[in-house]
Protein backbone atom coordinates (compact mmCIF):
# COMPACT_ATOMS: atom_id res chain seq x y z
CA MET A 1 18.85 -15.78 -8.71
CA LEU A 2 16.30 -17.86 -10.32
CA MET A 3 19.31 -19.48 -12.20
CA CYS A 4 21.50 -20.15 -9.56
CA LEU A 5 18.68 -21.79 -7.38
CA ALA A 6 17.95 -24.47 -9.95
CA SER A 7 21.53 -25.12 -10.47
CA ALA A 8 22.22 -25.42 -6.35
CA LEU A 9 19.43 -27.52 -5.66
CA VAL A 10 20.29 -29.68 -9.10
CA GLY A 11 24.38 -29.88 -7.91
CA VAL A 12 23.52 -31.11 -4.89
CA VAL A 13 23.05 -34.67 -5.82
CA VAL A 14 25.33 -34.32 -8.57
CA PHE A 15 28.31 -33.36 -5.88
CA LEU A 16 26.92 -36.36 -3.73
CA LYS A 17 26.60 -38.74 -6.31
CA LYS A 18 30.40 -37.85 -7.31
CA GLU A 19 29.65 -37.12 -10.88
CA SER A 20 30.61 -33.17 -10.83
CA LEU A 21 32.57 -33.49 -13.66
CA LEU A 22 29.06 -34.47 -15.71
CA GLY A 23 28.14 -30.47 -15.59
CA GLU A 24 30.88 -29.18 -16.83
CA THR A 25 30.52 -31.64 -19.96
CA LEU A 26 27.04 -31.20 -20.37
CA SER A 27 27.59 -27.07 -20.19
CA HIS A 28 30.56 -27.89 -22.67
CA ALA A 29 28.16 -29.69 -24.86
CA SER A 30 25.30 -27.44 -25.40
CA TYR A 31 27.87 -24.55 -27.19
CA PRO A 32 26.42 -26.01 -30.94
CA GLY A 33 22.87 -25.92 -30.19
CA VAL A 34 23.52 -22.58 -28.92
CA ILE A 35 25.52 -21.53 -31.68
CA LEU A 36 22.82 -23.55 -34.40
CA GLY A 37 19.68 -22.04 -32.10
CA VAL A 38 21.29 -17.95 -32.82
CA VAL A 39 21.61 -19.00 -36.60
CA ALA A 40 18.23 -20.47 -37.35
CA SER A 41 16.71 -17.74 -35.18
CA GLY A 42 18.55 -15.04 -36.97
CA SER A 43 17.86 -16.70 -40.63
CA TRP A 44 13.84 -17.39 -39.43
CA LEU A 45 13.16 -14.74 -37.35
CA ILE A 46 14.65 -11.84 -37.59
CA GLY A 47 14.17 -9.44 -34.99
CA ASN A 48 11.93 -11.79 -32.86
CA GLN A 49 14.00 -11.45 -28.95
CA GLU A 50 11.35 -14.21 -27.78
CA TRP A 51 11.77 -17.05 -30.36
CA THR A 52 15.60 -16.39 -30.29
CA SER A 53 15.79 -16.98 -26.82
CA PHE A 54 13.47 -20.14 -26.93
CA LEU A 55 15.40 -21.18 -30.12
CA THR A 56 19.05 -21.35 -28.36
CA LEU A 57 17.88 -22.91 -24.59
CA ALA A 58 16.12 -25.38 -26.96
CA GLY A 59 19.25 -26.05 -29.33
CA ALA A 60 21.50 -26.24 -26.08
CA PHE A 61 19.34 -28.68 -24.67
CA ALA A 62 19.04 -30.80 -27.42
CA THR A 63 22.70 -31.05 -28.36
CA SER A 64 22.83 -31.62 -23.75
CA LEU A 65 21.14 -34.58 -24.38
CA LEU A 66 22.57 -36.15 -27.17
CA GLY A 67 26.14 -35.48 -25.22
CA LEU A 68 24.48 -37.35 -22.21
CA TRP A 69 23.01 -40.45 -24.79
CA CYS A 70 27.02 -40.39 -26.05
CA ILE A 71 28.08 -40.47 -23.04
CA HIS A 72 26.03 -43.55 -22.13
CA LEU A 73 26.33 -45.59 -25.24
CA LEU A 74 30.67 -44.64 -24.87
CA VAL A 75 30.03 -46.28 -21.14
CA GLU A 76 28.05 -49.19 -21.16
CA LYS A 77 28.86 -50.28 -25.37
CA ALA A 78 31.89 -49.52 -25.45
CA GLY A 79 33.39 -49.74 -22.02
CA VAL A 80 35.18 -46.36 -21.79
CA HIS A 81 35.62 -45.21 -18.27
CA PRO A 82 33.41 -43.10 -17.30
CA ASP A 83 35.94 -40.08 -16.56
CA SER A 84 37.33 -40.50 -20.24
CA ALA A 85 34.31 -40.42 -21.95
CA LEU A 86 33.11 -37.29 -19.78
CA CYS A 87 36.63 -35.44 -21.08
CA PHE A 88 35.88 -36.77 -24.86
CA ILE A 89 32.31 -35.91 -25.20
CA LEU A 90 33.51 -32.29 -23.04
CA ALA A 91 36.61 -31.57 -26.12
CA THR A 92 34.78 -33.13 -28.71
CA PHE A 93 31.10 -31.27 -28.31
CA PHE A 94 32.94 -28.06 -27.33
CA GLY A 95 35.25 -28.27 -30.51
CA ILE A 96 32.38 -28.73 -32.51
CA GLY A 97 30.87 -25.70 -31.28
CA LEU A 98 34.04 -23.79 -31.57
CA THR A 99 33.68 -25.04 -35.26
CA ILE A 100 30.21 -24.15 -36.39
CA ALA A 101 31.55 -20.16 -34.64
CA SER A 102 34.37 -19.78 -36.55
CA VAL A 103 32.03 -20.26 -40.08
CA VAL A 104 29.56 -18.19 -38.57
CA GLN A 105 32.26 -15.41 -37.29
CA PHE A 106 32.38 -14.74 -41.14
CA THR A 107 28.76 -15.48 -42.63
CA HIS A 108 26.39 -13.99 -39.93
CA THR A 109 28.70 -11.51 -38.28
CA VAL A 110 26.21 -9.95 -35.79
CA LEU A 111 24.61 -13.28 -35.02
CA TYR A 112 28.15 -14.83 -34.10
CA ARG A 113 28.24 -11.85 -31.47
CA GLN A 114 24.58 -12.68 -29.87
CA SER A 115 26.34 -16.42 -29.26
CA LEU A 116 28.81 -15.05 -27.37
CA ALA A 117 26.95 -13.85 -24.79
CA TYR A 118 26.22 -17.42 -24.09
CA LEU A 119 29.58 -18.80 -24.14
CA TYR A 120 30.93 -16.20 -21.88
CA GLY A 121 27.59 -15.09 -20.32
CA GLN A 122 26.24 -11.92 -20.50
CA ALA A 123 23.17 -11.09 -17.92
CA ALA A 124 23.14 -7.50 -19.19
CA THR A 125 21.20 -7.86 -22.23
CA MET A 126 18.77 -9.99 -20.80
CA THR A 127 15.20 -8.92 -20.79
CA ASP A 128 11.34 -9.41 -19.22
CA ILE A 129 11.14 -12.55 -21.46
CA HIS A 130 14.18 -14.39 -20.00
CA ILE A 131 12.03 -13.38 -16.44
CA LEU A 132 9.15 -16.38 -18.15
CA ILE A 133 11.88 -19.13 -19.22
CA TYR A 134 13.92 -18.97 -16.40
CA GLY A 135 11.24 -19.01 -14.04
CA LEU A 136 8.90 -21.54 -15.55
CA LEU A 137 12.37 -23.72 -15.94
CA SER A 138 13.15 -23.47 -11.95
CA LEU A 139 9.80 -24.13 -11.45
CA ALA A 140 10.12 -27.55 -13.14
CA VAL A 141 13.49 -28.06 -11.39
CA ILE A 142 12.04 -27.21 -7.65
CA VAL A 143 9.12 -29.30 -8.73
CA VAL A 144 10.68 -32.37 -9.57
CA VAL A 145 13.15 -32.35 -6.65
CA ILE A 146 10.06 -31.24 -4.06
CA LEU A 147 7.85 -34.59 -5.78
CA PHE A 148 10.51 -37.29 -6.30
CA TYR A 149 13.07 -36.36 -2.94
CA LYS A 150 12.57 -39.72 -1.54
CA GLU A 151 13.72 -41.32 -4.00
CA LEU A 152 16.24 -39.41 -5.46
CA GLN A 153 17.67 -39.92 -1.76
CA ILE A 154 17.92 -43.57 -1.56
CA LEU A 155 19.21 -43.56 -4.88
CA THR A 156 22.02 -40.81 -4.38
CA PHE A 157 22.89 -42.94 -0.86
CA ASP A 158 22.36 -46.69 -1.75
CA ARG A 159 21.30 -47.63 -5.09
CA ASP A 160 21.28 -51.35 -4.22
CA PHE A 161 18.57 -50.75 -1.83
CA ALA A 162 16.85 -48.53 -4.14
CA LYS A 163 16.65 -51.59 -6.73
CA SER A 164 15.02 -53.61 -4.26
CA ILE A 165 12.42 -51.48 -2.95
CA GLY A 166 11.05 -51.28 -6.23
CA ILE A 167 12.84 -47.72 -7.43
CA PRO A 168 12.60 -47.22 -11.00
CA ALA A 169 16.66 -46.42 -10.99
CA HIS A 170 16.86 -46.00 -14.73
CA ARG A 171 14.14 -43.81 -14.82
CA MET A 172 15.35 -41.86 -11.94
CA ASP A 173 18.74 -41.43 -13.40
CA LEU A 174 16.96 -40.18 -16.95
CA LEU A 175 15.27 -37.73 -14.51
CA LEU A 176 18.26 -36.98 -12.95
CA PHE A 177 19.94 -36.41 -15.95
CA VAL A 178 17.13 -33.90 -17.36
CA LEU A 179 17.25 -32.28 -14.24
CA ILE A 180 21.14 -31.69 -14.63
CA VAL A 181 20.71 -30.43 -18.78
CA LEU A 182 17.75 -28.19 -17.49
CA ALA A 183 20.10 -26.91 -14.94
CA VAL A 184 22.60 -26.08 -18.00
CA VAL A 185 20.26 -24.57 -19.92
CA LEU A 186 19.24 -22.22 -17.58
CA GLY A 187 23.02 -20.83 -16.20
CA ILE A 188 24.70 -20.26 -19.94
CA ARG A 189 22.70 -17.31 -20.44
CA SER A 190 23.81 -15.01 -16.87
CA VAL A 191 26.95 -17.23 -16.57
CA GLY A 192 28.51 -19.55 -19.48
CA VAL A 193 29.07 -22.31 -20.88
CA VAL A 194 32.54 -21.66 -19.54
CA LEU A 195 31.50 -21.06 -16.15
CA MET A 196 28.33 -23.06 -15.73
CA SER A 197 30.00 -25.84 -13.81
CA ALA A 198 31.26 -23.79 -11.06
CA MET A 199 27.35 -22.54 -10.39
CA LEU A 200 26.40 -26.62 -9.91
CA ILE A 201 29.18 -27.26 -7.76
CA ALA A 202 30.28 -24.10 -5.89
CA PRO A 203 27.15 -24.40 -3.58
CA ALA A 204 26.71 -27.75 -2.71
CA VAL A 205 30.54 -28.19 -1.60
CA ALA A 206 29.73 -24.94 0.81
CA ALA A 207 26.44 -26.35 1.70
CA ARG A 208 27.99 -29.68 2.30
CA GLN A 209 30.62 -28.38 5.01
CA TRP A 210 27.77 -27.32 7.31
CA THR A 211 25.20 -29.76 7.74
CA HIS A 212 24.85 -34.14 7.37
CA ARG A 213 21.57 -33.98 5.96
CA LEU A 214 20.42 -33.77 2.62
CA SER A 215 17.13 -32.07 3.26
CA PHE A 216 19.12 -29.20 4.75
CA MET A 217 22.04 -29.32 2.38
CA MET A 218 19.54 -28.52 -0.42
CA GLY A 219 18.07 -25.30 1.36
CA LEU A 220 21.50 -24.29 2.32
CA ALA A 221 22.83 -24.86 -1.71
CA GLY A 222 19.52 -23.08 -2.49
CA ILE A 223 20.00 -20.12 -0.08
CA PHE A 224 24.03 -20.18 -1.16
CA GLY A 225 22.82 -19.82 -5.04
CA ILE A 226 20.38 -16.78 -4.47
CA VAL A 227 22.81 -14.75 -2.69
CA SER A 228 25.36 -15.57 -5.30
CA GLY A 229 23.22 -14.42 -7.72
CA PHE A 230 21.84 -11.53 -6.05
CA LEU A 231 25.27 -10.01 -4.98
CA GLY A 232 27.19 -11.26 -8.18
CA ASN A 233 24.30 -8.78 -10.32
CA TYR A 234 24.67 -6.38 -7.39
CA LEU A 235 29.01 -6.51 -7.39
CA SER A 236 29.02 -5.92 -11.27
CA VAL A 237 26.91 -3.12 -11.38
CA GLU A 238 28.56 -1.08 -8.10
CA LEU A 239 32.24 -2.02 -9.19
CA GLY A 240 31.94 -0.89 -12.24
CA ASP A 241 30.20 2.47 -11.48
CA TYR A 242 32.74 2.79 -8.67
CA VAL A 243 35.85 2.18 -11.02
CA ALA A 244 34.31 4.14 -13.37
CA ARG A 245 34.12 7.04 -11.26
CA ARG A 246 37.75 6.77 -9.44
CA TYR A 247 39.44 5.72 -12.59
CA PRO A 248 37.57 7.55 -15.51
CA SER A 249 40.11 6.54 -18.15
CA SER A 250 40.26 2.46 -17.15
CA ARG A 251 37.77 0.35 -19.35
CA MET A 252 37.83 -2.39 -16.51
CA ALA A 253 34.13 -4.35 -16.33
CA PHE A 254 32.79 -6.79 -14.01
CA PRO A 255 30.97 -9.27 -16.09
CA THR A 256 28.09 -10.36 -14.36
CA GLY A 257 28.41 -14.00 -14.58
CA PRO A 258 32.23 -14.23 -13.84
CA MET A 259 30.84 -12.05 -10.80
CA ILE A 260 28.53 -14.46 -9.61
CA VAL A 261 31.08 -17.67 -10.01
CA VAL A 262 33.58 -15.04 -7.84
CA VAL A 263 30.85 -14.62 -5.42
CA ALA A 264 29.96 -18.15 -5.15
CA THR A 265 33.61 -19.45 -4.31
CA ALA A 266 34.19 -16.99 -2.01
CA ILE A 267 30.99 -18.28 0.15
CA CYS A 268 32.57 -21.66 -0.67
CA LEU A 269 36.08 -20.60 0.21
CA VAL A 270 34.49 -19.20 3.56
CA SER A 271 32.48 -22.16 4.42
CA LEU A 272 35.71 -24.60 3.71
CA ALA A 273 37.68 -22.56 6.34
CA PHE A 274 35.28 -21.78 9.01
CA ALA A 275 32.44 -23.95 9.22
CA PRO A 276 31.47 -25.15 13.04
CA GLU A 277 32.59 -29.33 12.33
CA ARG A 278 34.13 -29.58 8.72
CA GLY A 279 35.63 -26.46 8.24
CA LEU A 280 39.77 -25.68 8.10
CA LEU A 281 39.75 -23.93 11.17
CA ALA A 282 37.76 -26.24 13.24
CA ARG A 283 39.81 -29.16 12.22
CA LEU A 284 43.23 -27.54 13.09
CA LEU A 285 41.79 -26.58 16.18
CA ARG A 286 41.19 -29.92 16.88
CA VAL A 287 43.77 -31.71 15.93
CA ALA A 288 46.17 -28.95 17.86
CA TYR A 289 43.61 -30.10 21.11
CA PHE A 290 44.68 -33.50 20.33
CA ARG A 291 48.21 -33.29 20.20
CA ASN A 292 48.43 -30.74 23.41
CA ARG A 293 46.32 -33.64 25.29
CA CYS A 294 48.76 -36.37 23.99
CA CYS A 295 52.08 -34.20 24.62
CA GLN A 296 50.29 -33.87 28.27
CA GLU A 297 49.68 -37.64 28.45
CA ASN A 298 52.86 -38.01 27.55
CA LEU A 299 54.61 -36.18 29.96
CA LEU A 300 52.50 -37.23 32.87
CA LYS A 301 53.79 -41.12 31.75
CA ALA A 302 57.35 -39.80 31.62
CA MET A 303 57.12 -38.23 35.78
CA TRP A 304 55.25 -41.58 36.59
CA ARG A 305 57.94 -43.80 35.36
CA MET A 306 60.99 -41.62 37.54
CA GLY A 307 58.49 -42.27 40.14
CA ASP A 308 55.18 -41.46 41.58
CA ALA A 309 56.22 -39.37 44.97
CA LYS A 310 59.33 -37.65 43.25
CA ASP A 311 60.07 -34.05 43.00
CA VAL A 312 61.12 -33.89 39.08
CA ALA A 313 62.77 -30.74 38.15
CA LEU A 314 62.29 -28.80 34.70
CA SER A 315 65.35 -30.18 32.82
CA GLN A 316 64.64 -34.01 33.72
CA VAL A 317 60.94 -33.28 32.10
CA ARG A 318 62.62 -31.64 29.16
CA LYS A 319 64.40 -35.16 28.09
CA HIS A 320 60.94 -37.00 27.63
CA HIS A 321 59.91 -33.62 25.46
CA THR A 322 61.29 -32.87 22.15
CA GLY A 323 59.21 -29.53 21.45
CA TYR A 324 60.59 -26.07 21.94
CA PHE A 325 61.03 -25.19 25.98
CA PHE A 326 58.49 -22.82 25.92
CA TYR A 327 55.91 -24.59 25.19
CA LEU A 328 57.18 -27.17 27.44
CA LYS A 329 56.32 -24.59 30.13
CA TRP A 330 53.22 -24.09 29.10
CA LEU A 331 52.60 -27.99 28.73
CA MET A 332 53.51 -27.90 32.73
CA LYS A 333 51.31 -25.17 33.69
CA ARG A 334 48.43 -26.73 32.08
CA LEU A 335 49.09 -29.89 34.05
CA VAL A 336 49.58 -27.71 37.40
CA HIS A 337 46.24 -26.10 36.39
CA ASN A 338 44.32 -29.46 35.29
CA GLY A 339 45.22 -30.56 38.98
CA TRP A 340 47.52 -33.41 37.68
CA VAL A 341 50.94 -31.94 38.78
CA GLU A 342 51.81 -29.50 41.15
CA LEU A 343 55.03 -27.09 41.70
CA LYS A 344 56.88 -26.61 44.99
CA GLY A 345 60.08 -25.42 44.89
CA GLY A 346 60.88 -24.80 41.53
CA ASN A 347 59.97 -28.74 40.69
CA TYR A 348 57.27 -30.76 39.68
CA ARG A 349 55.23 -33.59 41.57
CA LEU A 350 52.27 -35.74 40.18
CA THR A 351 49.15 -35.12 42.20
CA SER A 352 47.13 -38.10 43.38
CA ASP A 353 44.90 -37.33 40.16
CA GLY A 354 47.90 -37.25 38.06
CA MET A 355 49.28 -40.97 39.47
CA ARG A 356 45.91 -42.31 38.28
CA ARG A 357 45.52 -40.45 35.07
CA ALA A 358 48.92 -41.61 34.10
CA GLY A 359 48.88 -45.09 35.49
CA HIS A 360 46.03 -45.38 33.54
CA ILE A 361 47.60 -44.07 30.43
CA VAL A 362 50.22 -46.63 30.93
CA ARG A 363 47.72 -49.10 31.76
CA LEU A 364 46.21 -48.61 27.88
CA HIS A 365 49.84 -48.73 26.45
CA ARG A 366 50.60 -52.26 27.89
CA LEU A 367 47.41 -53.55 27.55
CA TRP A 368 47.35 -52.50 23.61
CA GLU A 369 51.22 -53.94 23.82
CA VAL A 370 49.83 -57.33 25.22
CA TYR A 371 47.40 -57.94 22.36
CA LEU A 372 49.05 -57.12 19.84
CA ALA A 373 52.09 -59.48 20.97
CA HIS A 374 49.62 -62.20 21.84
CA TYR A 375 47.19 -62.08 19.63
CA LEU A 376 48.47 -60.35 16.22
CA GLY A 377 52.04 -61.83 16.18
CA VAL A 378 53.31 -58.45 16.41
CA GLY A 379 57.14 -57.73 16.90
CA VAL A 380 58.11 -55.72 20.40
CA GLU A 381 58.87 -52.67 18.47
CA GLY A 382 56.01 -52.50 15.91
CA ALA A 383 53.71 -53.12 19.47
CA HIS A 384 55.53 -51.05 20.94
CA ARG A 385 55.27 -47.90 18.16
CA SER A 386 51.71 -48.67 17.84
CA ALA A 387 50.88 -48.64 21.34
CA GLU A 388 52.54 -45.26 21.88
CA GLU A 389 49.57 -43.88 19.26
CA MET A 390 46.78 -46.01 20.76
CA GLU A 391 46.88 -45.17 24.30
CA HIS A 392 45.64 -42.00 23.61
CA ILE A 393 42.80 -42.97 21.76
CA LEU A 394 41.31 -46.26 23.05
CA THR A 395 37.73 -45.86 24.50
CA PRO A 396 36.10 -47.13 27.62
CA GLU A 397 34.67 -50.04 25.72
CA LEU A 398 38.13 -51.12 24.15
CA GLU A 399 39.66 -50.64 27.12
CA GLU A 400 37.11 -53.48 28.39
CA GLU A 401 37.60 -55.63 25.66
CA LEU A 402 40.96 -55.64 26.19
CA ILE A 403 40.82 -56.10 29.60
CA GLN A 404 38.86 -59.48 28.83
CA LEU A 405 41.54 -60.66 26.38
CA CYS A 406 44.58 -59.95 28.37
CA LYS A 407 42.81 -61.34 31.11
CA ASN A 408 43.18 -58.41 33.56
CA LEU A 409 46.64 -58.04 33.27
CA GLN A 410 47.57 -56.01 37.05
CA ILE A 411 51.66 -55.89 36.98
CA ASP A 412 53.72 -53.31 34.48
CA GLN A 413 57.11 -55.32 34.03
CA MET A 414 58.91 -51.77 32.77
CA LYS A 415 57.56 -50.05 36.20
CA PRO A 416 60.15 -49.96 39.22
CA GLY A 417 59.78 -52.43 42.07
CA ASN A 418 57.08 -53.84 39.70
CA ALA A 419 54.03 -51.72 41.02
CA SER A 420 50.69 -52.59 40.17
């Protein structure tokens, strides 16, 4: 849970700076340090679990920083594109780590098995000393985020402004990179090198769907991270016990690291789907509502052109609607419910409110056409197609500007009888 909290807080800044691949790169760059740390601790301090953890994390921290320095050299000195540099360092350092591991596999078999815990994560073998180590590292991340919150906020959203007010951008970048490395070092023991980037990004992506404020986003990301850490551990144990009881012959296991990532991913997917403003469901509902409104306004416009006080049969209205017949009937019921259309003897007629609304829609259409044709030189067909879309979204402020530009036109030449 400490690991997930710290990773989520750092991941918010990484996500907002659009450097998500950086976490993936640094987590893979830590693997050579993990192998060297395990080998060093096993060779010099056999049986000392505390020093083994310390040297392993120190090695991971060192090679991650080395990978970060190499990225900086490639981007700033060699002119390599940042994405290319990240991919190159990721593959190179991970390949070096695997090469060293392939040697250690035969020379130090026991140590090699210990190093696998950092590759895929193995929370079950963690001891009390890890609480102290991870607690101190998490505290360091939280303290830095709190102390330099304003600087991180300004640098994240407006780097030029930050420089103009005297914020040391390069020092803050270095501090942020150290935080990212710390977060990676925190997570590789329980989640693993391969999956660590997910714990940086998933809580941040989930939190972004619920708020537009950085402080709330960090708080939500921290909560999502803690919940992921707790439920990942809990489900790992409970699901393993359930499968063992239900299927005694099965050897299915639910490792803690992957389960933490699965829970974080589930939270992220729920947020992406059901967040009230940015969620997929909310967006689909807004799109459906807008399309329904456009269809209703188009029907009002079509009836208005047929004649203000004329009864119109549903078959006539259908000529102006390309959707399903049942959808058309539902739209007409909505128009009746809104008081814009009345139903008499099986035919439809615009009410006074309906005539005013339909006339206003046509007026917006004409104003936009005149603006495009006379001020921008757009052809008739192009102006008409654009006006068909714009008439539904023009705000009162834009309407007032168009009225002034078009000299407050009052006559619709397309209206039968040139009615105003």
